[in-house]
Amino acid sequence: MWFLYRRTIQVPATIDLEATDRELHAHVILDGVEVNEGDEVLVHGAPTHIALNEKRTMTTRATVSKASLPRRMWERVMGRTRITELYEVGFEG
């Protein structure tokens, strides 16, 4: 069905990881694409773990699946009526 179609884009991405006694974070910055409601992002080559007291910044690729207009509108309406899950984040190896 045309309204379920997703356009996929390959983009460069920067991954910033830190696991210290002061901070624990993982950030991904996508170059040249804006992520909107209903879009999905898959980061390729991201490490599944880093050692304690380690900071890493690396460049890799990401696949962005852009949602169709009907899907984006649906996600926008549902996001405003109820918030059940903010983000689903996973590191898979």
PDB file of N, CA and C in Angstrom:
ATOM      1  N   MET A   1       0.842  -1.178   0.000  1.00  0.00           N
ATOM      2  CA  MET A   1       0.000   0.000   0.000  1.00  0.00           C
ATOM      3  C   MET A   1       0.890   1.245   0.000  1.00  0.00           C
ATOM      4  N   TRP A   2       0.546   2.219  -0.788  1.00  0.00           N
ATOM      5  CA  TRP A   2       1.379   3.400  -0.976  1.00  0.00           C
ATOM      6  C   TRP A   2       1.592   4.190   0.303  1.00  0.00           C
ATOM      7  N   PHE A   3       0.610   4.202   1.212  1.00  0.00           N
ATOM      8  CA  PHE A   3       0.749   5.028   2.410  1.00  0.00           C
ATOM      9  C   PHE A   3       1.647   4.385   3.463  1.00  0.00           C
ATOM     10  N   LEU A   4       2.063   3.151   3.269  1.00  0.00           N
ATOM     11  CA  LEU A   4       2.999   2.492   4.176  1.00  0.00           C
ATOM     12  C   LEU A   4       4.432   2.531   3.651  1.00  0.00           C
ATOM     13  N   TYR A   5       4.618   3.061   2.448  1.00  0.00           N
ATOM     14  CA  TYR A   5       5.935   3.107   1.815  1.00  0.00           C
ATOM     15  C   TYR A   5       6.904   3.946   2.646  1.00  0.00           C
ATOM     16  N   ARG A   6       8.122   3.442   2.799  1.00  0.00           N
ATOM     17  CA  ARG A   6       9.176   4.173   3.498  1.00  0.00           C
ATOM     18  C   ARG A   6      10.348   4.385   2.542  1.00  0.00           C
ATOM     19  N   ARG A   7      10.801   5.610   2.446  1.00  0.00           N
ATOM     20  CA  ARG A   7      11.976   5.937   1.647  1.00  0.00           C
ATOM     21  C   ARG A   7      13.195   5.795   2.550  1.00  0.00           C
ATOM     22  N   THR A   8      14.223   5.085   2.111  1.00  0.00           N
ATOM     23  CA  THR A   8      15.419   4.912   2.935  1.00  0.00           C
ATOM     24  C   THR A   8      16.563   5.745   2.378  1.00  0.00           C
ATOM     25  N   ILE A   9      17.344   6.293   3.305  1.00  0.00           N
ATOM     26  CA  ILE A   9      18.464   7.159   2.963  1.00  0.00           C
ATOM     27  C   ILE A   9      19.672   6.689   3.765  1.00  0.00           C
ATOM     28  N   GLN A  10      20.834   6.586   3.117  1.00  0.00           N
ATOM     29  CA  GLN A  10      22.089   6.292   3.801  1.00  0.00           C
ATOM     30  C   GLN A  10      22.787   7.625   4.074  1.00  0.00           C
ATOM     31  N   VAL A  11      23.138   7.873   5.345  1.00  0.00           N
ATOM     32  CA  VAL A  11      23.783   9.133   5.709  1.00  0.00           C
ATOM     33  C   VAL A  11      24.978   8.861   6.617  1.00  0.00           C
ATOM     34  N   PRO A  12      25.979   9.755   6.601  1.00  0.00           N
ATOM     35  CA  PRO A  12      27.062   9.640   7.571  1.00  0.00           C
ATOM     36  C   PRO A  12      26.552  10.024   8.959  1.00  0.00           C
ATOM     37  N   ALA A  13      27.131   9.403   9.977  1.00  0.00           N
ATOM     38  CA  ALA A  13      26.711   9.674  11.352  1.00  0.00           C
ATOM     39  C   ALA A  13      27.934   9.708  12.257  1.00  0.00           C
ATOM     40  N   THR A  14      27.864  10.526  13.290  1.00  0.00           N
ATOM     41  CA  THR A  14      28.907  10.599  14.300  1.00  0.00           C
ATOM     42  C   THR A  14      28.352  10.044  15.596  1.00  0.00           C
ATOM     43  N   ILE A  15      29.084   9.101  16.191  1.00  0.00           N
ATOM     44  CA  ILE A  15      28.676   8.490  17.455  1.00  0.00           C
ATOM     45  C   ILE A  15      29.594   9.007  18.548  1.00  0.00           C
ATOM     46  N   ASP A  16      29.009   9.470  19.642  1.00  0.00           N
ATOM     47  CA  ASP A  16      29.755   9.951  20.807  1.00  0.00           C
ATOM     48  C   ASP A  16      29.368   9.078  21.996  1.00  0.00           C
ATOM     49  N   LEU A  17      30.318   8.315  22.519  1.00  0.00           N
ATOM     50  CA  LEU A  17      30.078   7.415  23.650  1.00  0.00           C
ATOM     51  C   LEU A  17      30.950   7.825  24.824  1.00  0.00           C
ATOM     52  N   GLU A  18      30.395   7.731  26.026  1.00  0.00           N
ATOM     53  CA  GLU A  18      31.173   8.004  27.235  1.00  0.00           C
ATOM     54  C   GLU A  18      30.629   7.159  28.372  1.00  0.00           C
ATOM     55  N   ALA A  19      31.551   6.490  29.080  1.00  0.00           N
ATOM     56  CA  ALA A  19      31.197   5.692  30.257  1.00  0.00           C
ATOM     57  C   ALA A  19      32.228   5.993  31.337  1.00  0.00           C
ATOM     58  N   THR A  20      32.006   7.087  32.063  1.00  0.00           N
ATOM     59  CA  THR A  20      32.909   7.472  33.148  1.00  0.00           C
ATOM     60  C   THR A  20      32.124   7.500  34.447  1.00  0.00           C
ATOM     61  N   ASP A  21      32.837   7.769  35.541  1.00  0.00           N
ATOM     62  CA  ASP A  21      32.142   7.849  36.829  1.00  0.00           C
ATOM     63  C   ASP A  21      31.247   9.084  36.916  1.00  0.00           C
ATOM     64  N   ARG A  22      31.460  10.057  36.045  1.00  0.00           N
ATOM     65  CA  ARG A  22      30.637  11.270  36.058  1.00  0.00           C
ATOM     66  C   ARG A  22      29.507  11.236  35.039  1.00  0.00           C
ATOM     67  N   GLU A  23      29.682  10.471  33.963  1.00  0.00           N
ATOM     68  CA  GLU A  23      28.707  10.528  32.880  1.00  0.00           C
ATOM     69  C   GLU A  23      28.612   9.195  32.145  1.00  0.00           C
ATOM     70  N   LEU A  24      27.395   8.880  31.710  1.00  0.00           N
ATOM     71  CA  LEU A  24      27.137   7.698  30.886  1.00  0.00           C
ATOM     72  C   LEU A  24      26.185   8.128  29.780  1.00  0.00           C
ATOM     73  N   HIS A  25      26.683   8.164  28.540  1.00  0.00           N
ATOM     74  CA  HIS A  25      25.810   8.576  27.447  1.00  0.00           C
ATOM     75  C   HIS A  25      26.240   7.964  26.118  1.00  0.00           C
ATOM     76  N   ALA A  26      25.295   7.964  25.194  1.00  0.00           N
ATOM     77  CA  ALA A  26      25.524   7.559  23.806  1.00  0.00           C
ATOM     78  C   ALA A  26      24.690   8.495  22.936  1.00  0.00           C
ATOM     79  N   HIS A  27      25.358   9.281  22.116  1.00  0.00           N
ATOM     80  CA  HIS A  27      24.677  10.236  21.236  1.00  0.00           C
ATOM     81  C   HIS A  27      25.018   9.916  19.787  1.00  0.00           C
ATOM     82  N   VAL A  28      24.042  10.087  18.913  1.00  0.00           N
ATOM     83  CA  VAL A  28      24.254   9.925  17.474  1.00  0.00           C
ATOM     84  C   VAL A  28      23.825  11.216  16.791  1.00  0.00           C
ATOM     85  N   ILE A  29      24.715  11.748  15.975  1.00  0.00           N
ATOM     86  CA  ILE A  29      24.416  12.956  15.205  1.00  0.00           C
ATOM     87  C   ILE A  29      24.399  12.558  13.733  1.00  0.00           C
ATOM     88  N   LEU A  30      23.252  12.745  13.087  1.00  0.00           N
ATOM     89  CA  LEU A  30      23.100  12.417  11.670  1.00  0.00           C
ATOM     90  C   LEU A  30      23.462  13.633  10.834  1.00  0.00           C
ATOM     91  N   ASP A  31      24.245  13.426   9.795  1.00  0.00           N
ATOM     92  CA  ASP A  31      24.683  14.519   8.933  1.00  0.00           C
ATOM     93  C   ASP A  31      23.761  14.652   7.732  1.00  0.00           C
ATOM     94  N   GLY A  32      23.101  15.791   7.617  1.00  0.00           N
ATOM     95  CA  GLY A  32      22.342  16.104   6.420  1.00  0.00           C
ATOM     96  C   GLY A  32      20.925  15.585   6.344  1.00  0.00           C
ATOM     97  N   VAL A  33      20.350  15.138   7.451  1.00  0.00           N
ATOM     98  CA  VAL A  33      18.965  14.672   7.414  1.00  0.00           C
ATOM     99  C   VAL A  33      18.281  15.029   8.729  1.00  0.00           C
ATOM    100  N   GLU A  34      17.024  15.394   8.633  1.00  0.00           N
ATOM    101  CA  GLU A  34      16.222  15.699   9.823  1.00  0.00           C
ATOM    102  C   GLU A  34      15.308  14.512  10.104  1.00  0.00           C
ATOM    103  N   VAL A  35      15.260  14.089  11.364  1.00  0.00           N
ATOM    104  CA  VAL A  35      14.411  12.969  11.761  1.00  0.00           C
ATOM    105  C   VAL A  35      13.084  13.532  12.266  1.00  0.00           C
ATOM    106  N   ASN A  36      11.981  13.020  11.702  1.00  0.00           N
ATOM    107  CA  ASN A  36      10.640  13.477  12.067  1.00  0.00           C
ATOM    108  C   ASN A  36       9.833  12.340  12.671  1.00  0.00           C
ATOM    109  N   GLU A  37       8.579  12.625  12.995  1.00  0.00           N
ATOM    110  CA  GLU A  37       7.688  11.623  13.562  1.00  0.00           C
ATOM    111  C   GLU A  37       7.572  10.430  12.628  1.00  0.00           C
ATOM    112  N   GLY A  38       7.678   9.224  13.189  1.00  0.00           N
ATOM    113  CA  GLY A  38       7.510   8.008  12.413  1.00  0.00           C
ATOM    114  C   GLY A  38       8.751   7.523  11.689  1.00  0.00           C
ATOM    115  N   ASP A  39       9.807   8.328  11.640  1.00  0.00           N
ATOM    116  CA  ASP A  39      11.046   7.909  10.987  1.00  0.00           C
ATOM    117  C   ASP A  39      11.780   6.903  11.868  1.00  0.00           C
ATOM    118  N   GLU A  40      12.545   6.030  11.240  1.00  0.00           N
ATOM    119  CA  GLU A  40      13.345   5.045  11.958  1.00  0.00           C
ATOM    120  C   GLU A  40      14.802   5.207  11.560  1.00  0.00           C
ATOM    121  N   VAL A  41      15.710   5.033  12.539  1.00  0.00           N
ATOM    122  CA  VAL A  41      17.143   5.179  12.296  1.00  0.00           C
ATOM    123  C   VAL A  41      17.849   3.908  12.740  1.00  0.00           C
ATOM    124  N   LEU A  42      18.698   3.370  11.875  1.00  0.00           N
ATOM    125  CA  LEU A  42      19.526   2.220  12.201  1.00  0.00           C
ATOM    126  C   LEU A  42      20.975   2.631  11.995  1.00  0.00           C
ATOM    127  N   VAL A  43      21.764   2.608  13.079  1.00  0.00           N
ATOM    128  CA  VAL A  43      23.173   2.997  13.022  1.00  0.00           C
ATOM    129  C   VAL A  43      24.003   1.738  12.792  1.00  0.00           C
ATOM    130  N   HIS A  44      24.841   1.758  11.767  1.00  0.00           N
ATOM    131  CA  HIS A  44      25.670   0.601  11.414  1.00  0.00           C
ATOM    132  C   HIS A  44      27.054   0.731  12.048  1.00  0.00           C
ATOM    133  N   GLY A  45      27.574  -0.367  12.561  1.00  0.00           N
ATOM    134  CA  GLY A  45      28.940  -0.383  13.078  1.00  0.00           C
ATOM    135  C   GLY A  45      29.110   0.245  14.442  1.00  0.00           C
ATOM    136  N   ALA A  46      28.033   0.448  15.173  1.00  0.00           N
ATOM    137  CA  ALA A  46      28.144   1.016  16.522  1.00  0.00           C
ATOM    138  C   ALA A  46      28.632  -0.067  17.483  1.00  0.00           C
ATOM    139  N   PRO A  47      29.548   0.268  18.387  1.00  0.00           N
ATOM    140  CA  PRO A  47      30.018  -0.733  19.345  1.00  0.00           C
ATOM    141  C   PRO A  47      28.906  -1.116  20.317  1.00  0.00           C
ATOM    142  N   THR A  48      28.935  -2.353  20.779  1.00  0.00           N
ATOM    143  CA  THR A  48      27.912  -2.826  21.712  1.00  0.00           C
ATOM    144  C   THR A  48      28.272  -2.511  23.152  1.00  0.00           C
ATOM    145  N   HIS A  49      29.542  -2.228  23.419  1.00  0.00           N
ATOM    146  CA  HIS A  49      29.954  -1.852  24.778  1.00  0.00           C
ATOM    147  C   HIS A  49      31.286  -1.092  24.708  1.00  0.00           C
ATOM    148  N   ILE A  50      31.542  -0.317  25.741  1.00  0.00           N
ATOM    149  CA  ILE A  50      32.845   0.322  25.903  1.00  0.00           C
ATOM    150  C   ILE A  50      33.270   0.109  27.344  1.00  0.00           C
ATOM    151  N   ALA A  51      34.552   0.174  27.568  1.00  0.00           N
ATOM    152  CA  ALA A  51      35.089  -0.050  28.907  1.00  0.00           C
ATOM    153  C   ALA A  51      34.766   1.137  29.814  1.00  0.00           C
ATOM    154  N   LEU A  52      34.736   0.869  31.108  1.00  0.00           N
ATOM    155  CA  LEU A  52      34.513   1.929  32.091  1.00  0.00           C
ATOM    156  C   LEU A  52      35.650   2.944  32.001  1.00  0.00           C
ATOM    157  N   ASN A  53      35.332   4.213  32.189  1.00  0.00           N
ATOM    158  CA  ASN A  53      36.269   5.337  32.092  1.00  0.00           C
ATOM    159  C   ASN A  53      36.818   5.512  30.674  1.00  0.00           C
ATOM    160  N   GLU A  54      35.985   5.242  29.693  1.00  0.00           N
ATOM    161  CA  GLU A  54      36.383   5.399  28.301  1.00  0.00           C
ATOM    162  C   GLU A  54      35.452   6.376  27.594  1.00  0.00           C
ATOM    163  N   LYS A  55      36.046   7.187  26.720  1.00  0.00           N
ATOM    164  CA  LYS A  55      35.307   8.100  25.848  1.00  0.00           C
ATOM    165  C   LYS A  55      35.676   7.752  24.419  1.00  0.00           C
ATOM    166  N   ARG A  56      34.672   7.672  23.544  1.00  0.00           N
ATOM    167  CA  ARG A  56      34.932   7.377  22.143  1.00  0.00           C
ATOM    168  C   ARG A  56      34.047   8.236  21.256  1.00  0.00           C
ATOM    169  N   THR A  57      34.633   8.715  20.185  1.00  0.00           N
ATOM    170  CA  THR A  57      33.888   9.404  19.139  1.00  0.00           C
ATOM    171  C   THR A  57      34.303   8.776  17.822  1.00  0.00           C
ATOM    172  N   MET A  58      33.325   8.372  17.034  1.00  0.00           N
ATOM    173  CA  MET A  58      33.635   7.699  15.772  1.00  0.00           C
ATOM    174  C   MET A  58      32.641   8.116  14.701  1.00  0.00           C
ATOM    175  N   THR A  59      33.049   7.919  13.466  1.00  0.00           N
ATOM    176  CA  THR A  59      32.190   8.212  12.325  1.00  0.00           C
ATOM    177  C   THR A  59      31.768   6.894  11.696  1.00  0.00           C
ATOM    178  N   THR A  60      30.502   6.786  11.349  1.00  0.00           N
ATOM    179  CA  THR A  60      29.961   5.570  10.746  1.00  0.00           C
ATOM    180  C   THR A  60      28.831   5.949   9.797  1.00  0.00           C
ATOM    181  N   ARG A  61      28.044   4.981   9.375  1.00  0.00           N
ATOM    182  CA  ARG A  61      26.905   5.213   8.489  1.00  0.00           C
ATOM    183  C   ARG A  61      25.622   4.864   9.222  1.00  0.00           C
ATOM    184  N   ALA A  62      24.537   5.478   8.793  1.00  0.00           N
ATOM    185  CA  ALA A  62      23.217   5.179   9.358  1.00  0.00           C
ATOM    186  C   ALA A  62      22.209   5.098   8.219  1.00  0.00           C
ATOM    187  N   THR A  63      21.211   4.250   8.401  1.00  0.00           N
ATOM    188  CA  THR A  63      20.105   4.145   7.455  1.00  0.00           C
ATOM    189  C   THR A  63      18.887   4.792   8.093  1.00  0.00           C
ATOM    190  N   VAL A  64      18.340   5.792   7.436  1.00  0.00           N
ATOM    191  CA  VAL A  64      17.146   6.485   7.922  1.00  0.00           C
ATOM    192  C   VAL A  64      15.981   6.073   7.032  1.00  0.00           C
ATOM    193  N   SER A  65      14.942   5.514   7.645  1.00  0.00           N
ATOM    194  CA  SER A  65      13.716   5.159   6.920  1.00  0.00           C
ATOM    195  C   SER A  65      12.697   6.256   7.184  1.00  0.00           C
ATOM    196  N   LYS A  66      12.423   7.047   6.164  1.00  0.00           N
ATOM    197  CA  LYS A  66      11.506   8.173   6.298  1.00  0.00           C
ATOM    198  C   LYS A  66      10.064   7.684   6.216  1.00  0.00           C
ATOM    199  N   ALA A  67       9.235   8.130   7.135  1.00  0.00           N
ATOM    200  CA  ALA A  67       7.822   7.750   7.161  1.00  0.00           C
ATOM    201  C   ALA A  67       7.060   8.481   6.058  1.00  0.00           C
ATOM    202  N   SER A  68       6.015   7.844   5.563  1.00  0.00           N
ATOM    203  CA  SER A  68       5.148   8.485   4.575  1.00  0.00           C
ATOM    204  C   SER A  68       4.339   9.583   5.270  1.00  0.00           C
ATOM    205  N   LEU A  69       3.740  10.465   4.489  1.00  0.00           N
ATOM    206  CA  LEU A  69       2.951  11.559   5.059  1.00  0.00           C
ATOM    207  C   LEU A  69       1.801  11.053   5.932  1.00  0.00           C
ATOM    208  N   PRO A  70       1.000  10.063   5.508  1.00  0.00           N
ATOM    209  CA  PRO A  70      -0.067   9.574   6.399  1.00  0.00           C
ATOM    210  C   PRO A  70       0.481   8.990   7.706  1.00  0.00           C
ATOM    211  N   ARG A  71       1.598   8.276   7.622  1.00  0.00           N
ATOM    212  CA  ARG A  71       2.196   7.692   8.830  1.00  0.00           C
ATOM    213  C   ARG A  71       2.706   8.792   9.760  1.00  0.00           C
ATOM    214  N   ARG A  72       3.322   9.814   9.198  1.00  0.00           N
ATOM    215  CA  ARG A  72       3.838  10.925  10.000  1.00  0.00           C
ATOM    216  C   ARG A  72       2.699  11.654  10.712  1.00  0.00           C
ATOM    217  N   MET A  73       1.591  11.882   9.998  1.00  0.00           N
ATOM    218  CA  MET A  73       0.428  12.533  10.619  1.00  0.00           C
ATOM    219  C   MET A  73      -0.154  11.664  11.732  1.00  0.00           C
ATOM    220  N   TRP A  74      -0.244  10.348  11.493  1.00  0.00           N
ATOM    221  CA  TRP A  74      -0.753   9.418  12.510  1.00  0.00           C
ATOM    222  C   TRP A  74       0.119   9.470  13.764  1.00  0.00           C
ATOM    223  N   GLU A  75       1.429   9.436  13.594  1.00  0.00           N
ATOM    224  CA  GLU A  75       2.348   9.478  14.737  1.00  0.00           C
ATOM    225  C   GLU A  75       2.236  10.807  15.483  1.00  0.00           C
ATOM    226  N   ARG A  76       2.045  11.884  14.755  1.00  0.00           N
ATOM    227  CA  ARG A  76       1.903  13.192  15.390  1.00  0.00           C
ATOM    228  C   ARG A  76       0.646  13.249  16.257  1.00  0.00           C
ATOM    229  N   VAL A  77      -0.479  12.746  15.740  1.00  0.00           N
ATOM    230  CA  VAL A  77      -1.736  12.732  16.503  1.00  0.00           C
ATOM    231  C   VAL A  77      -1.609  11.838  17.725  1.00  0.00           C
ATOM    232  N   MET A  78      -1.084  10.633  17.539  1.00  0.00           N
ATOM    233  CA  MET A  78      -0.953   9.695  18.655  1.00  0.00           C
ATOM    234  C   MET A  78       0.041  10.200  19.697  1.00  0.00           C
ATOM    235  N   GLY A  79       1.075  10.881  19.254  1.00  0.00           N
ATOM    236  CA  GLY A  79       2.064  11.425  20.185  1.00  0.00           C
ATOM    237  C   GLY A  79       1.494  12.522  21.067  1.00  0.00           C
ATOM    238  N   ARG A  80       0.531  13.239  20.562  1.00  0.00           N
ATOM    239  CA  ARG A  80      -0.075  14.310  21.359  1.00  0.00           C
ATOM    240  C   ARG A  80      -1.187  13.810  22.259  1.00  0.00           C
ATOM    241  N   THR A  81      -1.802  12.691  21.925  1.00  0.00           N
ATOM    242  CA  THR A  81      -2.904  12.184  22.744  1.00  0.00           C
ATOM    243  C   THR A  81      -2.417  11.304  23.883  1.00  0.00           C
ATOM    244  N   ARG A  82      -1.338  10.595  23.658  1.00  0.00           N
ATOM    245  CA  ARG A  82      -0.798   9.766  24.743  1.00  0.00           C
ATOM    246  C   ARG A  82       0.681   9.515  24.495  1.00  0.00           C
ATOM    247  N   ILE A  83       1.428   9.525  25.569  1.00  0.00           N
ATOM    248  CA  ILE A  83       2.852   9.221  25.480  1.00  0.00           C
ATOM    249  C   ILE A  83       3.082   7.933  26.258  1.00  0.00           C
ATOM    250  N   THR A  84       3.325   6.846  25.532  1.00  0.00           N
ATOM    251  CA  THR A  84       3.566   5.571  26.204  1.00  0.00           C
ATOM    252  C   THR A  84       5.034   5.183  26.148  1.00  0.00           C
ATOM    253  N   GLU A  85       5.725   5.657  25.128  1.00  0.00           N
ATOM    254  CA  GLU A  85       7.130   5.304  24.981  1.00  0.00           C
ATOM    255  C   GLU A  85       7.823   6.453  24.265  1.00  0.00           C
ATOM    256  N   LEU A  86       8.787   7.066  24.922  1.00  0.00           N
ATOM    257  CA  LEU A  86       9.448   8.213  24.317  1.00  0.00           C
ATOM    258  C   LEU A  86      10.396   7.767  23.208  1.00  0.00           C
ATOM    259  N   TYR A  87      11.337   6.936  23.534  1.00  0.00           N
ATOM    260  CA  TYR A  87      12.281   6.402  22.551  1.00  0.00           C
ATOM    261  C   TYR A  87      12.543   4.941  22.863  1.00  0.00           C
ATOM    262  N   GLU A  88      12.797   4.179  21.841  1.00  0.00           N
ATOM    263  CA  GLU A  88      13.268   2.811  22.027  1.00  0.00           C
ATOM    264  C   GLU A  88      14.700   2.792  21.526  1.00  0.00           C
ATOM    265  N   VAL A  89      15.634   2.609  22.438  1.00  0.00           N
ATOM    266  CA  VAL A  89      17.048   2.640  22.099  1.00  0.00           C
ATOM    267  C   VAL A  89      17.633   1.269  22.357  1.00  0.00           C
ATOM    268  N   GLY A  90      18.379   0.763  21.420  1.00  0.00           N
ATOM    269  CA  GLY A  90      19.001  -0.542  21.620  1.00  0.00           C
ATOM    270  C   GLY A  90      20.365  -0.602  20.975  1.00  0.00           C
ATOM    271  N   PHE A  91      21.275  -1.284  21.626  1.00  0.00           N
ATOM    272  CA  PHE A  91      22.597  -1.554  21.082  1.00  0.00           C
ATOM    273  C   PHE A  91      22.658  -3.048  20.837  1.00  0.00           C
ATOM    274  N   GLU A  92      22.722  -3.433  19.586  1.00  0.00           N
ATOM    275  CA  GLU A  92      22.715  -4.848  19.242  1.00  0.00           C
ATOM    276  C   GLU A  92      24.059  -5.233  18.656  1.00  0.00           C
ATOM    277  N   GLY A  93      24.491  -6.422  18.970  1.00  0.00           N
ATOM    278  CA  GLY A  93      25.789  -6.873  18.479  1.00  0.00           C
ATOM    279  C   GLY A  93      25.705  -7.967  17.485  1.00  0.00           C
TER     280      GLY A  93
END
